[in-house]
Amino acid sequence: MAAAPSDQVTACVLLIGDEILSGRTKDANLSYIARHLGEIGVQVREARVIPDVEEVIVATLNEVRAKYDYVFTTGGIGPTHDDITADCVAKAFGVEIGYHPEAMEILTAHYKETGNEFTEARKRMARIPEGASLIPNPVSKAPGFQMGNVFVMAGIPMIMQVMMDGLAGRLKGGRKMLARTVSCEMGEGQLAEGLRALQDAHPAVSIGSYPFFFEKRYGTSIVMRSVEEEELALVVEEVRALMLGLGAAPVEGEVRGGPSAKEGAQAGAS
């Protein structure tokens, strides 16, 4: 498992599925995972959408599990032929895969209770890499699993969320990322030079500029993020001073309706 710098804990999210890349399915998982992890002090540093292609999944898993403390995957653990995530995880870790006794027991009881046939296709959902531990699924019962620092979850948002919620005892967080936002009715182009200087002077604080356009009002929200509370507070005051010095009135937080997509604001803001 990769070592996080100082006391920061990092993560990568892999969204697996051709349906996301084709546009057929709109991802609703990344934001939930990132928010959930942020609350416990795990910082999502990277997210990728990758296809249902074995060599891509295996290579990506091996790359990111060595780079980050945790890896979370969604998708590809259902009963159909293109659900290959479990097999790919087994291959990435160099272990065998087979029917997990507890998973088989859970699914056997579930299909008996529902009166549905426990078909060979459905049994695929009980195939778990050797050495992995199960992630409970109170919704549809088919479990996810943890292999090392990799957590494999369903792609269906409702199911992914209950799986994610059930991981609280397994995840160790670091220092929480703090965030502050200051907005003003001024184009980001006017703030850009001053913001660059502030970013160079305060590398421990991430400074992001996000234009908004709302009810014929345009402006910029500056979002500052850091694990260093005192440094963050200092940058907030310096951003406020920058806005005031340029003739804009700083407002704590975001303007209602913003920030929005850059193209909506750049028509008149930059």
Protein backbone atom coordinates (compact mmCIF):
# COMPACT_ATOMS: atom_id res chain seq x y z
CA MET A 1 0.00 0.00 0.00
CA ALA A 2 1.28 3.43 -0.92
CA ALA A 3 2.45 5.69 1.88
CA ALA A 4 0.68 9.02 2.13
CA PRO A 5 2.80 12.12 2.66
CA SER A 6 2.89 13.20 6.33
CA ASP A 7 -0.47 12.42 7.91
CA GLN A 8 -2.56 12.65 4.75
CA VAL A 9 -4.51 9.63 3.52
CA THR A 10 -5.18 9.43 -0.21
CA ALA A 11 -7.55 7.55 -2.48
CA CYS A 12 -8.33 6.88 -6.11
CA VAL A 13 -11.78 6.07 -7.52
CA LEU A 14 -12.15 3.81 -10.56
CA LEU A 15 -15.51 3.92 -12.32
CA ILE A 16 -15.63 0.77 -14.41
CA GLY A 17 -18.06 0.33 -17.28
CA ASP A 18 -18.55 0.85 -20.99
CA GLU A 19 -21.99 2.30 -20.23
CA ILE A 20 -20.44 5.33 -18.53
CA LEU A 21 -17.98 5.95 -21.35
CA SER A 22 -20.74 5.66 -23.96
CA GLY A 23 -22.90 8.22 -22.16
CA ARG A 24 -25.72 5.73 -21.63
CA THR A 25 -25.29 5.90 -17.85
CA LYS A 26 -24.58 9.10 -15.97
CA ASP A 27 -22.22 8.56 -13.06
CA ALA A 28 -23.68 9.36 -9.66
CA ASN A 29 -21.07 7.60 -7.55
CA LEU A 30 -17.94 9.74 -7.60
CA SER A 31 -19.37 12.73 -5.75
CA TYR A 32 -20.85 10.51 -3.02
CA ILE A 33 -17.59 8.62 -2.52
CA ALA A 34 -15.50 11.81 -2.48
CA ARG A 35 -17.78 13.55 0.02
CA HIS A 36 -18.00 10.47 2.22
CA LEU A 37 -14.25 10.02 2.28
CA GLY A 38 -13.61 13.71 2.83
CA GLU A 39 -15.66 13.60 6.00
CA ILE A 40 -13.32 11.02 7.51
CA GLY A 41 -10.09 12.60 6.32
CA VAL A 42 -9.41 10.58 3.17
CA GLN A 43 -8.57 12.76 0.17
CA VAL A 44 -9.59 11.60 -3.30
CA ARG A 45 -6.61 12.56 -5.45
CA GLU A 46 -7.65 10.92 -8.70
CA ALA A 47 -10.66 9.40 -10.46
CA ARG A 48 -10.75 7.49 -13.72
CA VAL A 49 -13.47 6.04 -15.93
CA ILE A 50 -12.25 2.87 -17.62
CA PRO A 51 -13.87 0.30 -19.94
CA ASP A 52 -14.82 -3.32 -19.33
CA VAL A 53 -11.52 -4.48 -20.80
CA GLU A 54 -9.47 -6.93 -18.76
CA GLU A 55 -6.00 -5.63 -19.56
CA VAL A 56 -7.04 -2.04 -18.89
CA ILE A 57 -8.64 -2.87 -15.54
CA VAL A 58 -5.73 -5.02 -14.37
CA ALA A 59 -3.07 -2.51 -15.40
CA THR A 60 -4.96 0.43 -13.89
CA LEU A 61 -5.58 -1.38 -10.61
CA ASN A 62 -1.93 -2.31 -10.23
CA GLU A 63 -0.87 1.25 -10.97
CA VAL A 64 -3.21 3.07 -8.60
CA ARG A 65 -3.15 0.59 -5.69
CA ALA A 66 0.59 1.18 -5.44
CA LYS A 67 0.19 4.95 -5.67
CA TYR A 68 -2.63 5.62 -3.20
CA ASP A 69 -3.60 4.43 0.26
CA TYR A 70 -7.03 3.28 -0.89
CA VAL A 71 -8.67 2.41 -4.21
CA PHE A 72 -12.46 2.27 -4.62
CA THR A 73 -14.02 0.69 -7.69
CA THR A 74 -17.63 0.74 -8.83
CA GLY A 75 -19.24 -1.46 -11.45
CA GLY A 76 -18.67 -4.82 -13.07
CA ILE A 77 -19.63 -7.23 -10.27
CA GLY A 78 -23.06 -8.32 -11.54
CA PRO A 79 -24.23 -11.63 -13.06
CA THR A 80 -23.58 -11.00 -16.77
CA HIS A 81 -20.70 -11.92 -19.07
CA ASP A 82 -19.32 -8.36 -19.10
CA ASP A 83 -19.11 -8.18 -15.29
CA ILE A 84 -15.40 -8.94 -15.10
CA THR A 85 -14.17 -6.73 -12.25
CA ALA A 86 -13.78 -9.56 -9.72
CA ASP A 87 -11.74 -11.64 -12.18
CA CYS A 88 -9.57 -8.63 -12.97
CA VAL A 89 -8.89 -7.93 -9.29
CA ALA A 90 -7.86 -11.56 -8.82
CA LYS A 91 -5.51 -11.30 -11.78
CA ALA A 92 -4.07 -7.98 -10.56
CA PHE A 93 -3.26 -9.54 -7.18
CA GLY A 94 -2.10 -12.84 -8.66
CA VAL A 95 -4.63 -15.01 -6.79
CA GLU A 96 -7.28 -17.54 -7.71
CA ILE A 97 -10.98 -16.74 -7.79
CA GLY A 98 -13.84 -19.02 -6.80
CA TYR A 99 -17.17 -19.26 -5.06
CA HIS A 100 -16.91 -17.70 -1.61
CA PRO A 101 -18.73 -19.91 0.97
CA GLU A 102 -20.28 -17.00 2.87
CA ALA A 103 -21.31 -15.21 -0.33
CA MET A 104 -22.91 -18.41 -1.62
CA GLU A 105 -24.77 -18.84 1.67
CA ILE A 106 -26.04 -15.24 1.58
CA LEU A 107 -27.24 -15.48 -2.01
CA THR A 108 -28.75 -18.95 -1.61
CA ALA A 109 -30.86 -17.72 1.30
CA HIS A 110 -31.78 -14.53 -0.57
CA TYR A 111 -33.07 -16.30 -3.68
CA LYS A 112 -34.87 -18.91 -1.60
CA GLU A 113 -36.62 -16.12 0.31
CA THR A 114 -37.58 -14.23 -2.85
CA GLY A 115 -38.69 -17.39 -4.66
CA ASN A 116 -36.35 -16.77 -7.57
CA GLU A 117 -34.04 -19.35 -9.09
CA PHE A 118 -30.40 -19.17 -8.05
CA THR A 119 -29.10 -19.56 -11.58
CA GLU A 120 -25.52 -20.11 -12.72
CA ALA A 121 -25.44 -16.50 -13.87
CA ARG A 122 -26.48 -15.28 -10.43
CA LYS A 123 -23.87 -17.51 -8.82
CA ARG A 124 -21.24 -15.41 -10.61
CA MET A 125 -21.91 -12.74 -7.98
CA ALA A 126 -20.51 -15.11 -5.32
CA ARG A 127 -17.16 -15.45 -7.10
CA ILE A 128 -14.61 -13.65 -4.94
CA PRO A 129 -10.80 -13.50 -5.21
CA GLU A 130 -8.97 -15.74 -2.76
CA GLY A 131 -8.10 -13.89 0.44
CA ALA A 132 -10.66 -11.11 0.00
CA SER A 133 -13.14 -10.10 2.68
CA LEU A 134 -16.77 -9.35 1.89
CA ILE A 135 -18.45 -5.95 1.89
CA PRO A 136 -22.09 -6.37 3.02
CA ASN A 137 -24.94 -5.42 0.70
CA PRO A 138 -28.19 -4.98 2.66
CA VAL A 139 -30.11 -3.98 -0.49
CA SER A 140 -29.71 -6.79 -3.02
CA LYS A 141 -27.47 -9.07 -0.93
CA ALA A 142 -24.77 -9.68 -3.58
CA PRO A 143 -21.65 -8.58 -1.70
CA GLY A 144 -18.76 -6.42 -2.72
CA PHE A 145 -15.31 -7.23 -1.42
CA GLN A 146 -12.04 -5.84 -0.14
CA MET A 147 -8.72 -7.10 -1.47
CA GLY A 148 -5.77 -5.42 0.20
CA ASN A 149 -6.31 -1.68 -0.15
CA VAL A 150 -8.84 -2.12 -2.97
CA PHE A 151 -12.57 -1.91 -2.23
CA VAL A 152 -14.80 -3.33 -4.97
CA MET A 153 -18.40 -2.11 -4.96
CA ALA A 154 -21.51 -2.20 -7.12
CA GLY A 155 -22.17 0.41 -9.78
CA ILE A 156 -25.82 0.96 -8.85
CA PRO A 157 -25.74 4.12 -6.69
CA MET A 158 -28.17 2.92 -4.01
CA ILE A 159 -26.19 -0.27 -3.49
CA MET A 160 -22.80 1.43 -3.70
CA GLN A 161 -23.87 3.89 -1.01
CA VAL A 162 -24.87 1.24 1.53
CA MET A 163 -21.63 -0.61 0.81
CA MET A 164 -19.67 2.60 1.31
CA ASP A 165 -21.50 3.37 4.53
CA GLY A 166 -20.59 -0.08 5.82
CA LEU A 167 -16.84 0.53 5.45
CA ALA A 168 -16.53 3.01 8.32
CA GLY A 169 -14.68 0.61 10.60
CA ARG A 170 -12.18 -0.41 7.91
CA LEU A 171 -10.99 3.01 6.79
CA LYS A 172 -8.40 5.06 8.62
CA GLY A 173 -8.51 8.75 7.81
CA GLY A 174 -5.92 11.46 8.20
CA ARG A 175 -6.28 15.19 8.71
CA LYS A 176 -9.51 16.52 7.26
CA MET A 177 -9.38 18.79 4.27
CA LEU A 178 -10.89 22.16 5.23
CA ALA A 179 -12.50 24.47 2.70
CA ARG A 180 -13.53 28.12 2.60
CA THR A 181 -15.16 30.08 -0.21
CA VAL A 182 -15.14 33.81 -0.87
CA SER A 183 -17.08 35.31 -3.80
CA CYS A 184 -17.33 38.66 -5.50
CA GLU A 185 -18.96 40.20 -8.56
CA MET A 186 -15.79 40.51 -10.58
CA GLY A 187 -14.47 38.47 -13.50
CA GLU A 188 -11.79 35.92 -12.72
CA GLY A 189 -9.52 37.49 -15.32
CA GLN A 190 -9.19 40.54 -13.09
CA LEU A 191 -8.29 38.37 -10.10
CA ALA A 192 -5.98 35.99 -11.93
CA GLU A 193 -2.65 37.74 -11.41
CA GLY A 194 -3.20 38.26 -7.70
CA LEU A 195 -4.41 34.69 -7.22
CA ARG A 196 -1.32 33.31 -8.92
CA ALA A 197 0.88 35.28 -6.54
CA LEU A 198 -1.11 34.02 -3.55
CA GLN A 199 -0.86 30.42 -4.74
CA ASP A 200 2.91 30.73 -5.17
CA ALA A 201 3.20 32.18 -1.67
CA HIS A 202 0.98 29.56 -0.02
CA PRO A 203 1.64 26.12 -1.56
CA ALA A 204 -0.08 24.36 1.37
CA VAL A 205 -3.41 25.85 0.28
CA SER A 206 -5.17 24.86 -2.95
CA ILE A 207 -6.78 27.93 -4.54
CA GLY A 208 -9.45 27.39 -7.18
CA SER A 209 -11.25 30.02 -9.24
CA TYR A 210 -14.84 29.32 -10.37
CA PRO A 211 -16.93 31.85 -12.35
CA PHE A 212 -20.68 32.09 -11.78
CA PHE A 213 -23.50 33.59 -13.81
CA PHE A 214 -26.85 34.05 -12.10
CA GLU A 215 -29.79 36.33 -12.89
CA LYS A 216 -27.67 38.66 -15.04
CA ARG A 217 -25.03 38.83 -12.33
CA TYR A 218 -21.60 37.41 -12.94
CA GLY A 219 -18.56 37.03 -10.78
CA THR A 220 -16.08 34.61 -9.28
CA SER A 221 -16.02 32.26 -6.33
CA ILE A 222 -12.60 31.49 -4.92
CA VAL A 223 -12.46 28.12 -3.17
CA MET A 224 -9.53 27.53 -0.83
CA ARG A 225 -8.73 24.08 0.57
CA SER A 226 -6.08 22.91 3.02
CA VAL A 227 -5.45 20.68 6.01
CA GLU A 228 -3.64 23.61 7.64
CA GLU A 229 -6.31 25.64 9.44
CA GLU A 230 -4.19 28.69 10.26
CA GLU A 231 -2.69 28.87 6.77
CA LEU A 232 -6.15 28.56 5.25
CA ALA A 233 -7.49 31.41 7.40
CA LEU A 234 -4.57 33.59 6.34
CA VAL A 235 -5.21 32.96 2.65
CA VAL A 236 -8.92 33.70 3.07
CA GLU A 237 -8.06 37.12 4.46
CA GLU A 238 -5.58 37.76 1.67
CA VAL A 239 -8.16 36.83 -0.97
CA ARG A 240 -10.65 39.19 0.64
CA ALA A 241 -7.99 41.93 0.63
CA LEU A 242 -7.25 41.24 -3.04
CA MET A 243 -10.93 41.65 -3.96
CA LEU A 244 -11.28 44.83 -1.93
CA GLY A 245 -8.14 46.25 -3.47
CA LEU A 246 -9.59 45.71 -6.93
CA GLY A 247 -12.86 47.40 -6.00
CA ALA A 248 -15.02 44.31 -5.42
CA ALA A 249 -17.02 43.48 -2.30
CA PRO A 250 -16.08 40.02 -0.97
CA VAL A 251 -18.88 37.75 0.28
CA GLU A 252 -18.33 34.64 2.38
CA GLY A 253 -19.53 31.54 0.54
CA GLU A 254 -20.93 31.10 -2.93
CA VAL A 255 -23.42 33.33 -4.69
CA ARG A 256 -26.76 31.54 -5.07
CA GLY A 257 -26.82 29.71 -8.37
CA GLY A 258 -23.02 29.59 -8.69
CA PRO A 259 -20.36 28.79 -9.33
CA SER A 260 -21.54 27.37 -12.62
CA ALA A 261 -19.82 26.12 -15.74
CA LYS A 262 -17.08 28.39 -16.97
CA GLU A 263 -18.69 28.83 -20.37
CA GLY A 264 -21.75 30.38 -18.74
CA ALA A 265 -19.69 33.01 -17.04
CA GLN A 266 -16.97 33.74 -19.55
CA ALA A 267 -19.40 35.41 -21.92
CA GLY A 268 -19.00 38.52 -19.83
CA ALA A 269 -16.85 37.75 -16.86
CA SER A 270 -13.27 37.29 -18.00
